[in-house]
Amino acid sequence: QVQLVESGGGLALAGGSLKLSCAVSGGTFSNYTMGWFRQAPAKERGFVVGITWNSFRTYYTDSVKGRFTISRDNAQNTVYLQMNSLKPEDTAVYYCAAGRRGLRLGVDKYDYWGQGTQVTVAS
């Protein structure tokens, strides 16, 4: 019933920017903690950033602090990931995820996942 659809991935040069979007349907968006994860080839899916249901708090993995910004628009049922100062090591499939309202950012599991969008950063 809950669907998450990512968009905005593509090719960027090192130092460039991309903005990812994740549209959520089939559920009550404001009930969800939202997050972004990424997975490079042969690596496990890793946490990038999470945001609470009301945008009150965010939590970023160290490698993206100061470069990536998560935001959400509850009226549009959409969460965004603005990625600046991209590095080749940011290359991965990026996944949007939804979890329970109140989950601990960077700790608790998420319940629903999008299909992913490819981000490739060329050196």
C-alpha atoms as a PDB file:
ATOM      1  CA  GLN A   1       0.000   0.000   0.000  1.00  0.00           C
ATOM      2  CA  VAL A   2       2.869   2.379   0.769  1.00  0.00           C
ATOM      3  CA  GLN A   3       4.902   3.314  -2.276  1.00  0.00           C
ATOM      4  CA  LEU A   4       8.081   5.358  -2.416  1.00  0.00           C
ATOM      5  CA  VAL A   5       9.432   6.553  -5.749  1.00  0.00           C
ATOM      6  CA  GLU A   6      12.830   8.208  -6.004  1.00  0.00           C
ATOM      7  CA  SER A   7      13.898  10.503  -8.800  1.00  0.00           C
ATOM      8  CA  GLY A   8      16.646  12.960  -9.603  1.00  0.00           C
ATOM      9  CA  GLY A   9      19.633  10.690  -9.860  1.00  0.00           C
ATOM     10  CA  GLY A  10      22.098  10.907 -12.682  1.00  0.00           C
ATOM     11  CA  LEU A  11      25.641  11.788 -13.559  1.00  0.00           C
ATOM     12  CA  ALA A  12      27.518  14.609 -11.889  1.00  0.00           C
ATOM     13  CA  LEU A  13      31.091  15.769 -11.888  1.00  0.00           C
ATOM     14  CA  ALA A  14      33.088  15.894  -8.695  1.00  0.00           C
ATOM     15  CA  GLY A  15      32.192  19.093  -6.899  1.00  0.00           C
ATOM     16  CA  GLY A  16      28.798  19.239  -8.539  1.00  0.00           C
ATOM     17  CA  SER A  17      25.297  18.926  -7.161  1.00  0.00           C
ATOM     18  CA  LEU A  18      22.216  16.791  -7.522  1.00  0.00           C
ATOM     19  CA  LYS A  19      18.852  16.929  -5.813  1.00  0.00           C
ATOM     20  CA  LEU A  20      16.953  13.721  -5.200  1.00  0.00           C
ATOM     21  CA  SER A  21      13.238  13.538  -4.574  1.00  0.00           C
ATOM     22  CA  CYS A  22      11.124  10.812  -3.037  1.00  0.00           C
ATOM     23  CA  ALA A  23       7.373  10.852  -3.512  1.00  0.00           C
ATOM     24  CA  VAL A  24       5.354   8.834  -1.012  1.00  0.00           C
ATOM     25  CA  SER A  25       1.853   7.524  -1.558  1.00  0.00           C
ATOM     26  CA  GLY A  26      -0.499   5.007  -0.016  1.00  0.00           C
ATOM     27  CA  GLY A  27       0.122   6.023   3.570  1.00  0.00           C
ATOM     28  CA  THR A  28      -0.032   8.956   5.907  1.00  0.00           C
ATOM     29  CA  PHE A  29       3.201  10.741   5.142  1.00  0.00           C
ATOM     30  CA  SER A  30       3.284  12.733   8.357  1.00  0.00           C
ATOM     31  CA  ASN A  31       3.276   9.460  10.310  1.00  0.00           C
ATOM     32  CA  TYR A  32       6.668   8.527   8.923  1.00  0.00           C
ATOM     33  CA  THR A  33      10.208   9.169   9.789  1.00  0.00           C
ATOM     34  CA  MET A  34      11.981   9.464   6.456  1.00  0.00           C
ATOM     35  CA  GLY A  35      15.501   8.581   5.503  1.00  0.00           C
ATOM     36  CA  TRP A  36      17.959   8.174   2.699  1.00  0.00           C
ATOM     37  CA  PHE A  37      20.282   5.223   2.325  1.00  0.00           C
ATOM     38  CA  ARG A  38      22.810   4.312  -0.317  1.00  0.00           C
ATOM     39  CA  GLN A  39      24.421   1.189  -1.630  1.00  0.00           C
ATOM     40  CA  ALA A  40      27.545   0.933  -3.730  1.00  0.00           C
ATOM     41  CA  PRO A  41      28.342  -2.248  -5.666  1.00  0.00           C
ATOM     42  CA  ALA A  42      29.426  -5.122  -3.425  1.00  0.00           C
ATOM     43  CA  LYS A  43      28.669  -3.098  -0.309  1.00  0.00           C
ATOM     44  CA  GLU A  44      25.853  -3.212   2.195  1.00  0.00           C
ATOM     45  CA  ARG A  45      23.162  -0.598   2.150  1.00  0.00           C
ATOM     46  CA  GLY A  46      24.217   2.190   4.489  1.00  0.00           C
ATOM     47  CA  PHE A  47      22.456   4.999   6.286  1.00  0.00           C
ATOM     48  CA  VAL A  48      22.914   8.493   4.903  1.00  0.00           C
ATOM     49  CA  VAL A  49      20.461  10.739   6.717  1.00  0.00           C
ATOM     50  CA  GLY A  50      17.149  10.681   8.528  1.00  0.00           C
ATOM     51  CA  ILE A  51      14.532  13.289   9.339  1.00  0.00           C
ATOM     52  CA  THR A  52      11.708  13.247  11.846  1.00  0.00           C
ATOM     53  CA  TRP A  53       8.073  13.483  10.843  1.00  0.00           C
ATOM     54  CA  ASN A  54       7.916  17.209  11.575  1.00  0.00           C
ATOM     55  CA  SER A  55      11.461  18.113  10.434  1.00  0.00           C
ATOM     56  CA  PHE A  56      12.345  18.893  14.032  1.00  0.00           C
ATOM     57  CA  ARG A  57      15.519  16.826  13.955  1.00  0.00           C
ATOM     58  CA  THR A  58      17.890  15.435  11.375  1.00  0.00           C
ATOM     59  CA  TYR A  59      20.825  13.092  11.676  1.00  0.00           C
ATOM     60  CA  TYR A  60      23.564  12.684   9.074  1.00  0.00           C
ATOM     61  CA  THR A  61      26.283  10.131   8.681  1.00  0.00           C
ATOM     62  CA  ASP A  62      29.666  11.798   9.117  1.00  0.00           C
ATOM     63  CA  SER A  63      30.772  11.419   5.519  1.00  0.00           C
ATOM     64  CA  VAL A  64      28.008  13.686   4.188  1.00  0.00           C
ATOM     65  CA  LYS A  65      27.780  16.302   6.932  1.00  0.00           C
ATOM     66  CA  GLY A  66      28.050  19.785   5.508  1.00  0.00           C
ATOM     67  CA  ARG A  67      27.476  18.563   1.974  1.00  0.00           C
ATOM     68  CA  PHE A  68      24.053  16.905   1.964  1.00  0.00           C
ATOM     69  CA  THR A  69      20.794  18.360   3.234  1.00  0.00           C
ATOM     70  CA  ILE A  70      17.571  16.483   3.822  1.00  0.00           C
ATOM     71  CA  SER A  71      14.220  18.222   3.834  1.00  0.00           C
ATOM     72  CA  ARG A  72      10.590  17.247   3.599  1.00  0.00           C
ATOM     73  CA  ASP A  73       7.348  18.816   2.515  1.00  0.00           C
ATOM     74  CA  ASN A  74       4.493  17.099   4.288  1.00  0.00           C
ATOM     75  CA  ALA A  75       1.933  18.936   2.180  1.00  0.00           C
ATOM     76  CA  GLN A  76       3.481  17.394  -0.935  1.00  0.00           C
ATOM     77  CA  ASN A  77       4.278  13.996   0.598  1.00  0.00           C
ATOM     78  CA  THR A  78       7.831  14.385  -0.589  1.00  0.00           C
ATOM     79  CA  VAL A  79      11.275  14.158   0.937  1.00  0.00           C
ATOM     80  CA  TYR A  80      14.372  15.599  -0.714  1.00  0.00           C
ATOM     81  CA  LEU A  81      18.097  15.118  -0.572  1.00  0.00           C
ATOM     82  CA  GLN A  82      20.175  18.033  -1.764  1.00  0.00           C
ATOM     83  CA  MET A  83      23.678  16.804  -2.492  1.00  0.00           C
ATOM     84  CA  ASN A  84      26.436  19.361  -2.941  1.00  0.00           C
ATOM     85  CA  SER A  85      30.197  19.071  -3.303  1.00  0.00           C
ATOM     86  CA  LEU A  86      29.780  15.575  -4.654  1.00  0.00           C
ATOM     87  CA  LYS A  87      32.674  13.171  -4.492  1.00  0.00           C
ATOM     88  CA  PRO A  88      33.309  10.012  -6.523  1.00  0.00           C
ATOM     89  CA  GLU A  89      32.818   7.988  -3.346  1.00  0.00           C
ATOM     90  CA  ASP A  90      29.222   9.212  -3.245  1.00  0.00           C
ATOM     91  CA  THR A  91      28.518   7.013  -6.259  1.00  0.00           C
ATOM     92  CA  ALA A  92      25.795   4.569  -5.275  1.00  0.00           C
ATOM     93  CA  VAL A  93      22.177   3.668  -5.664  1.00  0.00           C
ATOM     94  CA  TYR A  94      20.259   5.955  -3.342  1.00  0.00           C
ATOM     95  CA  TYR A  95      17.147   4.647  -1.635  1.00  0.00           C
ATOM     96  CA  CYS A  96      14.382   6.511   0.069  1.00  0.00           C
ATOM     97  CA  ALA A  97      12.906   4.826   3.125  1.00  0.00           C
ATOM     98  CA  ALA A  98      10.028   5.345   5.532  1.00  0.00           C
ATOM     99  CA  GLY A  99       9.845   4.198   9.115  1.00  0.00           C
ATOM    100  CA  ARG A 100       7.671   4.625  12.140  1.00  0.00           C
ATOM    101  CA  ARG A 101       7.070   8.026  13.562  1.00  0.00           C
ATOM    102  CA  GLY A 102       9.338   8.390  16.553  1.00  0.00           C
ATOM    103  CA  LEU A 103      12.072   5.997  15.516  1.00  0.00           C
ATOM    104  CA  ARG A 104      15.604   6.827  16.562  1.00  0.00           C
ATOM    105  CA  LEU A 105      17.422   8.351  13.611  1.00  0.00           C
ATOM    106  CA  GLY A 106      20.367   6.274  12.526  1.00  0.00           C
ATOM    107  CA  VAL A 107      19.442   3.467  14.920  1.00  0.00           C
ATOM    108  CA  ASP A 108      16.045   1.953  14.266  1.00  0.00           C
ATOM    109  CA  LYS A 109      14.924   0.041  11.220  1.00  0.00           C
ATOM    110  CA  TYR A 110      12.843   1.460   8.402  1.00  0.00           C
ATOM    111  CA  ASP A 111       9.812  -0.329   7.032  1.00  0.00           C
ATOM    112  CA  TYR A 112       9.245   0.777   3.449  1.00  0.00           C
ATOM    113  CA  TRP A 113      11.700   1.278   0.625  1.00  0.00           C
ATOM    114  CA  GLY A 114      11.804   2.832  -2.783  1.00  0.00           C
ATOM    115  CA  GLN A 115      13.320   1.254  -5.861  1.00  0.00           C
ATOM    116  CA  GLY A 116      16.430   3.398  -5.789  1.00  0.00           C
ATOM    117  CA  THR A 117      17.949   5.967  -8.086  1.00  0.00           C
ATOM    118  CA  GLN A 118      21.488   5.810  -9.421  1.00  0.00           C
ATOM    119  CA  VAL A 119      23.918   8.584  -8.581  1.00  0.00           C
ATOM    120  CA  THR A 120      27.232   8.520 -10.391  1.00  0.00           C
ATOM    121  CA  VAL A 121      29.961  11.050  -9.657  1.00  0.00           C
ATOM    122  CA  ALA A 122      32.828  11.256 -12.108  1.00  0.00           C
ATOM    123  CA  SER A 123      36.277  12.351 -11.014  1.00  0.00           C
END
